[in-house]
Amino acid sequence: MKKLGDHRIGVDSGIAHGFSDFANDGEMWAGTGDRVRRVNVEFSEPFLNPPVVHLGFAMWDISNAANTRVELAAENVTATGFTTVFQTWGDTKVARMRANWMAIGEVENDEIWDV
């Protein structure tokens, strides 16, 4: 559990626009084996410390000709942003992916003056 000081909780959210590999036969659609796509995300304003980041699929378009094998994760979380990581493997064919994200963490307390 992450405990936040001074009851100053900030929540930021957005969409990580992943990829669309169907039209151009990109590696997520035409490839096989281990494949990874990363998307950098910047928060609208910095947190005091690295926040907790939650990810969820906003959209995925996957071929029904093979098993669905996917992993969605946040890595390199800092006070100013993070990297969304989408992975697949085997013969899974992913045409498109987009993720929603939400970050919850401690923000600056406007009532504390810096003198």
N, C-alpha and C. Protein backbone atom coordinates (compact mmCIF):
# COMPACT_ATOMS: atom_id res chain seq x y z
N MET A 1 0.83 -1.18 0.00
CA MET A 1 0.00 0.00 0.00
C MET A 1 0.88 1.24 0.00
N LYS A 2 0.53 2.19 -0.82
CA LYS A 2 1.25 3.46 -0.86
C LYS A 2 0.46 4.46 -0.02
N LYS A 3 1.09 4.99 1.04
CA LYS A 3 0.45 5.98 1.90
C LYS A 3 0.93 7.37 1.49
N LEU A 4 0.01 8.29 1.39
CA LEU A 4 0.30 9.62 0.89
C LEU A 4 0.25 10.63 2.02
N GLY A 5 1.27 11.48 2.10
CA GLY A 5 1.35 12.47 3.16
C GLY A 5 0.50 13.69 2.89
N ASP A 6 0.09 14.36 3.95
CA ASP A 6 -0.63 15.63 3.89
C ASP A 6 -1.97 15.56 3.15
N HIS A 7 -2.45 14.39 2.88
CA HIS A 7 -3.74 14.21 2.21
C HIS A 7 -3.80 14.94 0.87
N ARG A 8 -2.67 15.10 0.23
CA ARG A 8 -2.62 15.74 -1.08
C ARG A 8 -2.46 14.66 -2.13
N ILE A 9 -3.57 14.20 -2.64
CA ILE A 9 -3.55 13.12 -3.62
C ILE A 9 -3.84 13.71 -4.99
N GLY A 10 -2.99 13.40 -5.95
CA GLY A 10 -3.20 13.82 -7.33
C GLY A 10 -3.56 12.63 -8.19
N VAL A 11 -4.49 12.82 -9.10
CA VAL A 11 -4.89 11.77 -10.04
C VAL A 11 -4.78 12.35 -11.44
N ASP A 12 -4.05 11.67 -12.29
CA ASP A 12 -3.91 12.07 -13.69
C ASP A 12 -4.32 10.87 -14.53
N SER A 13 -4.82 11.09 -15.72
CA SER A 13 -5.23 9.98 -16.57
C SER A 13 -5.13 10.38 -18.03
N GLY A 14 -5.15 9.36 -18.88
CA GLY A 14 -5.08 9.63 -20.31
C GLY A 14 -5.10 8.36 -21.12
N ILE A 15 -4.76 8.50 -22.38
CA ILE A 15 -4.74 7.38 -23.32
C ILE A 15 -3.33 7.24 -23.87
N ALA A 16 -2.80 6.02 -23.83
CA ALA A 16 -1.52 5.71 -24.47
C ALA A 16 -1.86 5.13 -25.84
N HIS A 17 -1.65 5.91 -26.89
CA HIS A 17 -1.95 5.45 -28.24
C HIS A 17 -0.87 4.45 -28.64
N GLY A 18 -1.25 3.19 -28.67
CA GLY A 18 -0.29 2.11 -28.90
C GLY A 18 0.19 2.03 -30.33
N PHE A 19 -0.52 1.28 -31.16
CA PHE A 19 -0.06 1.06 -32.52
C PHE A 19 -1.21 0.57 -33.37
N SER A 20 -1.00 0.60 -34.68
CA SER A 20 -1.92 0.04 -35.66
C SER A 20 -1.05 -0.61 -36.72
N ASP A 21 -0.88 -1.93 -36.62
CA ASP A 21 0.05 -2.64 -37.50
C ASP A 21 -0.64 -3.42 -38.62
N PHE A 22 -1.96 -3.42 -38.68
CA PHE A 22 -2.67 -4.22 -39.67
C PHE A 22 -2.46 -3.70 -41.09
N ALA A 23 -2.63 -2.41 -41.29
CA ALA A 23 -2.59 -1.83 -42.64
C ALA A 23 -1.23 -1.95 -43.31
N ASN A 24 -0.15 -1.89 -42.51
CA ASN A 24 1.19 -1.91 -43.11
C ASN A 24 1.96 -3.20 -42.83
N ASP A 25 1.25 -4.25 -42.40
CA ASP A 25 1.89 -5.53 -42.07
C ASP A 25 3.05 -5.35 -41.10
N GLY A 26 2.83 -4.55 -40.07
CA GLY A 26 3.85 -4.33 -39.05
C GLY A 26 4.14 -5.60 -38.26
N GLU A 27 5.18 -5.55 -37.43
CA GLU A 27 5.66 -6.74 -36.73
C GLU A 27 4.63 -7.34 -35.78
N MET A 28 3.77 -6.54 -35.18
CA MET A 28 2.77 -7.09 -34.26
C MET A 28 1.72 -7.91 -35.01
N TRP A 29 1.46 -7.55 -36.26
CA TRP A 29 0.48 -8.27 -37.06
C TRP A 29 1.13 -9.39 -37.88
N ALA A 30 2.23 -9.12 -38.54
CA ALA A 30 2.83 -10.09 -39.46
C ALA A 30 3.92 -10.94 -38.82
N GLY A 31 4.45 -10.51 -37.67
CA GLY A 31 5.56 -11.23 -37.05
C GLY A 31 5.13 -12.39 -36.18
N THR A 32 6.11 -13.14 -35.71
CA THR A 32 5.88 -14.22 -34.75
C THR A 32 6.97 -14.14 -33.69
N GLY A 33 6.79 -14.90 -32.62
CA GLY A 33 7.77 -14.89 -31.54
C GLY A 33 7.56 -13.71 -30.62
N ASP A 34 8.57 -13.41 -29.82
CA ASP A 34 8.49 -12.31 -28.85
C ASP A 34 8.50 -10.97 -29.58
N ARG A 35 7.52 -10.12 -29.25
CA ARG A 35 7.42 -8.78 -29.83
C ARG A 35 7.01 -7.81 -28.73
N VAL A 36 7.59 -6.62 -28.77
CA VAL A 36 7.33 -5.61 -27.73
C VAL A 36 7.13 -4.25 -28.40
N ARG A 37 6.19 -3.48 -27.86
CA ARG A 37 5.99 -2.10 -28.30
C ARG A 37 5.92 -1.24 -27.05
N ARG A 38 6.66 -0.13 -27.04
CA ARG A 38 6.71 0.79 -25.90
C ARG A 38 6.18 2.16 -26.31
N VAL A 39 5.44 2.80 -25.39
CA VAL A 39 4.91 4.14 -25.62
C VAL A 39 5.23 4.97 -24.38
N ASN A 40 5.94 6.08 -24.56
CA ASN A 40 6.25 6.97 -23.44
C ASN A 40 5.07 7.88 -23.15
N VAL A 41 4.79 8.07 -21.86
CA VAL A 41 3.69 8.91 -21.40
C VAL A 41 4.24 9.94 -20.43
N GLU A 42 3.84 11.21 -20.61
CA GLU A 42 4.21 12.26 -19.66
C GLU A 42 2.96 12.72 -18.92
N PHE A 43 3.08 12.91 -17.60
CA PHE A 43 1.97 13.40 -16.81
C PHE A 43 1.73 14.88 -17.13
N SER A 44 0.51 15.35 -16.88
CA SER A 44 0.18 16.75 -17.17
C SER A 44 0.95 17.70 -16.25
N GLU A 45 1.29 17.24 -15.05
CA GLU A 45 2.20 17.96 -14.15
C GLU A 45 2.86 16.92 -13.26
N PRO A 46 4.05 17.22 -12.74
CA PRO A 46 4.78 16.20 -11.99
C PRO A 46 4.17 15.91 -10.62
N PHE A 47 4.34 14.67 -10.19
CA PHE A 47 4.03 14.25 -8.83
C PHE A 47 5.26 14.53 -7.98
N LEU A 48 5.12 14.45 -6.65
CA LEU A 48 6.29 14.62 -5.78
C LEU A 48 7.21 13.41 -5.83
N ASN A 49 6.62 12.23 -6.00
CA ASN A 49 7.34 10.96 -6.07
C ASN A 49 6.70 10.14 -7.18
N PRO A 50 7.33 9.05 -7.59
CA PRO A 50 6.68 8.20 -8.59
C PRO A 50 5.31 7.71 -8.09
N PRO A 51 4.25 7.92 -8.86
CA PRO A 51 2.92 7.50 -8.45
C PRO A 51 2.67 6.02 -8.75
N VAL A 52 1.53 5.54 -8.32
CA VAL A 52 1.06 4.22 -8.72
C VAL A 52 0.36 4.40 -10.06
N VAL A 53 0.68 3.55 -11.03
CA VAL A 53 0.09 3.66 -12.37
C VAL A 53 -0.74 2.41 -12.64
N HIS A 54 -1.97 2.64 -13.08
CA HIS A 54 -2.88 1.55 -13.45
C HIS A 54 -3.14 1.63 -14.95
N LEU A 55 -3.07 0.49 -15.62
CA LEU A 55 -3.32 0.42 -17.06
C LEU A 55 -4.49 -0.50 -17.35
N GLY A 56 -5.22 -0.19 -18.41
CA GLY A 56 -6.30 -1.05 -18.88
C GLY A 56 -6.42 -0.92 -20.39
N PHE A 57 -6.87 -1.97 -21.02
CA PHE A 57 -7.03 -1.92 -22.47
C PHE A 57 -8.23 -1.04 -22.83
N ALA A 58 -8.01 -0.06 -23.69
CA ALA A 58 -9.09 0.75 -24.23
C ALA A 58 -9.60 0.11 -25.51
N MET A 59 -8.69 -0.53 -26.24
CA MET A 59 -9.05 -1.21 -27.48
C MET A 59 -7.95 -2.19 -27.84
N TRP A 60 -8.35 -3.36 -28.28
CA TRP A 60 -7.41 -4.28 -28.89
C TRP A 60 -8.13 -5.00 -30.01
N ASP A 61 -7.40 -5.26 -31.06
CA ASP A 61 -7.93 -5.93 -32.24
C ASP A 61 -6.95 -7.06 -32.54
N ILE A 62 -7.39 -8.29 -32.26
CA ILE A 62 -6.50 -9.45 -32.34
C ILE A 62 -7.13 -10.51 -33.23
N SER A 63 -6.32 -11.13 -34.07
CA SER A 63 -6.78 -12.19 -34.96
C SER A 63 -7.32 -13.37 -34.16
N ASN A 64 -8.39 -13.97 -34.68
CA ASN A 64 -8.93 -15.17 -34.03
C ASN A 64 -8.31 -16.45 -34.58
N ALA A 65 -7.30 -16.33 -35.43
CA ALA A 65 -6.66 -17.50 -36.03
C ALA A 65 -5.62 -18.14 -35.11
N ALA A 66 -5.29 -17.49 -34.00
CA ALA A 66 -4.28 -18.02 -33.06
C ALA A 66 -4.71 -17.66 -31.64
N ASN A 67 -4.00 -18.21 -30.67
CA ASN A 67 -4.28 -17.88 -29.28
C ASN A 67 -3.97 -16.41 -29.00
N THR A 68 -4.70 -15.86 -28.04
CA THR A 68 -4.47 -14.48 -27.60
C THR A 68 -3.47 -14.50 -26.46
N ARG A 69 -2.30 -13.92 -26.68
CA ARG A 69 -1.24 -13.87 -25.66
C ARG A 69 -0.76 -12.42 -25.60
N VAL A 70 -1.10 -11.72 -24.52
CA VAL A 70 -0.70 -10.32 -24.40
C VAL A 70 -0.35 -10.00 -22.96
N GLU A 71 0.52 -9.03 -22.81
CA GLU A 71 0.85 -8.49 -21.49
C GLU A 71 0.93 -6.97 -21.63
N LEU A 72 0.32 -6.27 -20.69
CA LEU A 72 0.34 -4.81 -20.65
C LEU A 72 0.90 -4.39 -19.31
N ALA A 73 1.94 -3.55 -19.31
CA ALA A 73 2.59 -3.16 -18.06
C ALA A 73 3.12 -1.74 -18.16
N ALA A 74 3.35 -1.15 -16.98
CA ALA A 74 4.00 0.16 -16.88
C ALA A 74 5.41 -0.07 -16.35
N GLU A 75 6.39 0.55 -16.98
CA GLU A 75 7.76 0.44 -16.49
C GLU A 75 8.38 1.83 -16.44
N ASN A 76 9.50 1.92 -15.72
CA ASN A 76 10.23 3.19 -15.59
C ASN A 76 9.33 4.32 -15.12
N VAL A 77 8.53 4.06 -14.09
CA VAL A 77 7.63 5.09 -13.56
C VAL A 77 8.45 6.10 -12.77
N THR A 78 8.30 7.37 -13.13
CA THR A 78 8.97 8.47 -12.42
C THR A 78 7.91 9.49 -12.02
N ALA A 79 8.33 10.56 -11.39
CA ALA A 79 7.40 11.62 -10.99
C ALA A 79 6.82 12.36 -12.20
N THR A 80 7.46 12.24 -13.36
CA THR A 80 7.01 12.98 -14.54
C THR A 80 6.39 12.13 -15.65
N GLY A 81 6.49 10.80 -15.54
CA GLY A 81 5.92 9.96 -16.58
C GLY A 81 6.29 8.50 -16.42
N PHE A 82 5.99 7.72 -17.45
CA PHE A 82 6.27 6.28 -17.44
C PHE A 82 6.26 5.75 -18.87
N THR A 83 6.57 4.48 -19.02
CA THR A 83 6.54 3.83 -20.32
C THR A 83 5.51 2.70 -20.28
N THR A 84 4.58 2.73 -21.23
CA THR A 84 3.62 1.63 -21.39
C THR A 84 4.29 0.56 -22.24
N VAL A 85 4.22 -0.69 -21.78
CA VAL A 85 4.84 -1.80 -22.50
C VAL A 85 3.76 -2.81 -22.88
N PHE A 86 3.62 -3.08 -24.17
CA PHE A 86 2.70 -4.08 -24.67
C PHE A 86 3.54 -5.19 -25.28
N GLN A 87 3.31 -6.43 -24.82
CA GLN A 87 4.09 -7.57 -25.31
C GLN A 87 3.17 -8.68 -25.79
N THR A 88 3.62 -9.39 -26.80
CA THR A 88 2.96 -10.60 -27.24
C THR A 88 4.02 -11.60 -27.66
N TRP A 89 3.63 -12.83 -27.91
CA TRP A 89 4.59 -13.88 -28.26
C TRP A 89 3.86 -14.98 -29.02
N GLY A 90 4.64 -15.95 -29.48
CA GLY A 90 4.07 -17.06 -30.24
C GLY A 90 3.55 -16.58 -31.58
N ASP A 91 2.40 -17.14 -31.99
CA ASP A 91 1.82 -16.78 -33.29
C ASP A 91 0.66 -15.79 -33.17
N THR A 92 0.53 -15.15 -32.01
CA THR A 92 -0.53 -14.15 -31.82
C THR A 92 -0.35 -13.00 -32.80
N LYS A 93 -1.46 -12.59 -33.41
CA LYS A 93 -1.44 -11.48 -34.38
C LYS A 93 -2.28 -10.33 -33.82
N VAL A 94 -1.61 -9.20 -33.55
CA VAL A 94 -2.29 -8.03 -32.99
C VAL A 94 -2.33 -6.94 -34.05
N ALA A 95 -3.54 -6.54 -34.42
CA ALA A 95 -3.70 -5.49 -35.44
C ALA A 95 -3.54 -4.10 -34.82
N ARG A 96 -4.23 -3.88 -33.69
CA ARG A 96 -4.21 -2.55 -33.06
C ARG A 96 -4.29 -2.70 -31.55
N MET A 97 -3.78 -1.67 -30.85
CA MET A 97 -3.87 -1.64 -29.40
C MET A 97 -3.84 -0.20 -28.93
N ARG A 98 -4.65 0.08 -27.90
CA ARG A 98 -4.65 1.38 -27.24
C ARG A 98 -4.95 1.12 -25.77
N ALA A 99 -4.32 1.86 -24.87
CA ALA A 99 -4.51 1.64 -23.43
C ALA A 99 -4.92 2.92 -22.72
N ASN A 100 -5.79 2.79 -21.73
CA ASN A 100 -6.10 3.88 -20.81
C ASN A 100 -5.17 3.76 -19.62
N TRP A 101 -4.80 4.89 -19.03
CA TRP A 101 -3.94 4.84 -17.85
C TRP A 101 -4.45 5.84 -16.80
N MET A 102 -4.13 5.52 -15.55
CA MET A 102 -4.44 6.42 -14.44
C MET A 102 -3.28 6.35 -13.46
N ALA A 103 -2.82 7.52 -13.03
CA ALA A 103 -1.72 7.62 -12.06
C ALA A 103 -2.26 8.29 -10.81
N ILE A 104 -1.94 7.71 -9.65
CA ILE A 104 -2.38 8.26 -8.36
C ILE A 104 -1.15 8.41 -7.49
N GLY A 105 -0.94 9.62 -6.99
CA GLY A 105 0.24 9.85 -6.16
C GLY A 105 0.18 11.16 -5.42
N GLU A 106 1.23 11.42 -4.68
CA GLU A 106 1.31 12.62 -3.87
C GLU A 106 1.71 13.82 -4.72
N VAL A 107 1.00 14.93 -4.50
CA VAL A 107 1.30 16.16 -5.23
C VAL A 107 1.64 17.26 -4.23
N GLU A 108 2.16 18.34 -4.77
CA GLU A 108 2.56 19.46 -3.92
C GLU A 108 1.35 20.04 -3.19
N ASN A 109 1.55 20.40 -1.92
CA ASN A 109 0.49 21.00 -1.11
C ASN A 109 0.54 22.51 -1.30
N ASP A 110 -0.49 23.07 -1.93
CA ASP A 110 -0.53 24.51 -2.21
C ASP A 110 -0.60 25.35 -0.95
N GLU A 111 -0.97 24.74 0.17
CA GLU A 111 -1.11 25.49 1.43
C GLU A 111 0.21 25.63 2.17
N ILE A 112 1.23 24.92 1.74
CA ILE A 112 2.55 25.03 2.37
C ILE A 112 3.37 26.03 1.56
N TRP A 113 3.77 27.10 2.20
CA TRP A 113 4.52 28.15 1.51
C TRP A 113 6.00 27.89 1.61
N ASP A 114 6.70 28.19 0.56
CA ASP A 114 8.16 28.08 0.54
C ASP A 114 8.72 29.48 0.77
N VAL A 115 9.18 29.74 2.02
CA VAL A 115 9.71 31.08 2.35
C VAL A 115 11.20 31.05 2.57
